[in-house]
């Protein structure tokens, strides 16, 4: 974890938190119960479990891309899991 401070260290700290969140979400998305409910409605009206999962992955990716444009890019960066690794085997993304 990076301590708060300058804008570049603050971006690195937030980025680390986003990566942590994506890794935690990957564990949840990998559960058999999530795979079984992939095409079912989610807690968010109008979105399936799969669509909500995809939204989470895309939002995290966009956040990381934004944070990677901030100063301090020379620092080594931890990457979140690849989006394709987060989907249950055979899952497809649909918007309902």
Protein backbone atom coordinates (compact mmCIF):
# COMPACT_ATOMS: atom_id res chain seq x y z
CA UNK A 1 0.00 0.00 0.00
CA UNK A 2 1.27 3.49 -0.88
CA UNK A 3 0.96 6.31 1.67
CA UNK A 4 -1.12 9.38 0.88
CA UNK A 5 0.83 12.47 -0.11
CA UNK A 6 1.69 13.96 -3.50
CA UNK A 7 -0.74 13.62 -6.42
CA UNK A 8 1.34 10.81 -7.95
CA UNK A 9 1.49 8.83 -4.70
CA UNK A 10 -2.21 9.46 -4.13
CA UNK A 11 -2.97 8.11 -7.63
CA UNK A 12 -0.80 5.08 -6.89
CA UNK A 13 -2.64 4.52 -3.61
CA UNK A 14 -6.06 4.73 -5.27
CA UNK A 15 -4.87 2.50 -8.12
CA UNK A 16 -3.74 -0.11 -5.61
CA UNK A 17 -7.19 -0.01 -3.98
CA UNK A 18 -8.88 -0.50 -7.37
CA UNK A 19 -6.65 -3.50 -8.13
CA UNK A 20 -7.47 -4.94 -4.70
CA UNK A 21 -11.19 -4.51 -5.41
CA UNK A 22 -10.90 -6.20 -8.82
CA UNK A 23 -9.04 -9.12 -7.28
CA UNK A 24 -11.78 -9.50 -4.65
CA UNK A 25 -14.45 -9.29 -7.36
CA UNK A 26 -12.63 -11.96 -9.37
CA UNK A 27 -12.98 -14.36 -6.44
CA UNK A 28 -16.71 -13.66 -6.27
CA UNK A 29 -17.22 -13.90 -10.04
CA UNK A 30 -15.43 -17.24 -10.05
CA UNK A 31 -17.98 -18.85 -7.76
CA UNK A 32 -20.20 -21.56 -9.28
CA UNK A 33 -23.29 -19.77 -7.92
CA UNK A 34 -22.39 -16.68 -9.98
CA UNK A 35 -21.87 -18.78 -13.11
CA UNK A 36 -25.26 -20.43 -12.54
CA UNK A 37 -26.94 -17.02 -12.20
CA UNK A 38 -25.03 -15.34 -15.07
CA UNK A 39 -28.12 -14.76 -17.24
CA UNK A 40 -30.44 -14.01 -14.32
CA UNK A 41 -31.48 -10.53 -13.16
CA UNK A 42 -28.99 -8.87 -10.80
CA UNK A 43 -29.66 -6.56 -7.86
CA UNK A 44 -29.41 -3.68 -10.34
CA UNK A 45 -32.67 -3.39 -12.24
CA UNK A 46 -32.32 -4.05 -15.96
CA UNK A 47 -28.96 -5.83 -15.76
CA UNK A 48 -28.16 -9.51 -15.56
CA UNK A 49 -25.52 -10.82 -13.18
CA UNK A 50 -23.21 -11.16 -16.21
CA UNK A 51 -23.87 -7.63 -17.41
CA UNK A 52 -23.28 -6.22 -13.95
CA UNK A 53 -20.03 -8.20 -13.70
CA UNK A 54 -18.89 -6.87 -17.06
CA UNK A 55 -19.78 -3.33 -15.98
CA UNK A 56 -17.61 -3.73 -12.88
CA UNK A 57 -14.66 -4.98 -14.92
CA UNK A 58 -14.98 -2.19 -17.50
CA UNK A 59 -15.29 0.50 -14.80
CA UNK A 60 -12.21 -0.77 -13.01
CA UNK A 61 -10.28 -0.91 -16.29
CA UNK A 62 -11.27 2.66 -17.14
CA UNK A 63 -10.25 3.85 -13.67
CA UNK A 64 -6.86 2.16 -13.92
CA UNK A 65 -6.30 3.60 -17.41
CA UNK A 66 -7.09 7.08 -16.09
CA UNK A 67 -4.79 6.69 -13.09
CA UNK A 68 -1.99 5.36 -15.31
CA UNK A 69 -1.99 8.70 -17.17
CA UNK A 70 -1.00 10.60 -14.02
CA UNK A 71 2.62 11.54 -13.17
CA UNK A 72 4.84 8.81 -11.75
CA UNK A 73 4.30 6.30 -14.57
CA UNK A 74 7.89 5.09 -14.19
CA UNK A 75 6.88 3.21 -11.03
CA UNK A 76 6.27 -0.52 -11.29
CA UNK A 77 2.55 -1.19 -11.43
CA UNK A 78 0.56 -4.17 -10.24
CA UNK A 79 -1.95 -5.34 -12.86
CA UNK A 80 -5.46 -6.57 -12.09
CA UNK A 81 -6.52 -9.95 -13.45
CA UNK A 82 -7.26 -10.04 -17.18
CA UNK A 83 -10.99 -9.47 -17.81
CA UNK A 84 -11.25 -12.79 -19.65
CA UNK A 85 -10.01 -14.58 -16.53
CA UNK A 86 -12.88 -13.11 -14.49
CA UNK A 87 -15.70 -14.65 -16.51
CA UNK A 88 -17.05 -18.06 -15.59
CA UNK A 89 -16.13 -20.72 -18.15
CA UNK A 90 -18.47 -20.46 -21.16
CA UNK A 91 -20.09 -17.24 -19.90
CA UNK A 92 -21.23 -14.57 -22.28
CA UNK A 93 -22.04 -10.91 -21.67
CA UNK A 94 -25.62 -9.88 -22.38
CA UNK A 95 -27.61 -6.79 -21.45
CA UNK A 96 -31.18 -7.51 -20.43
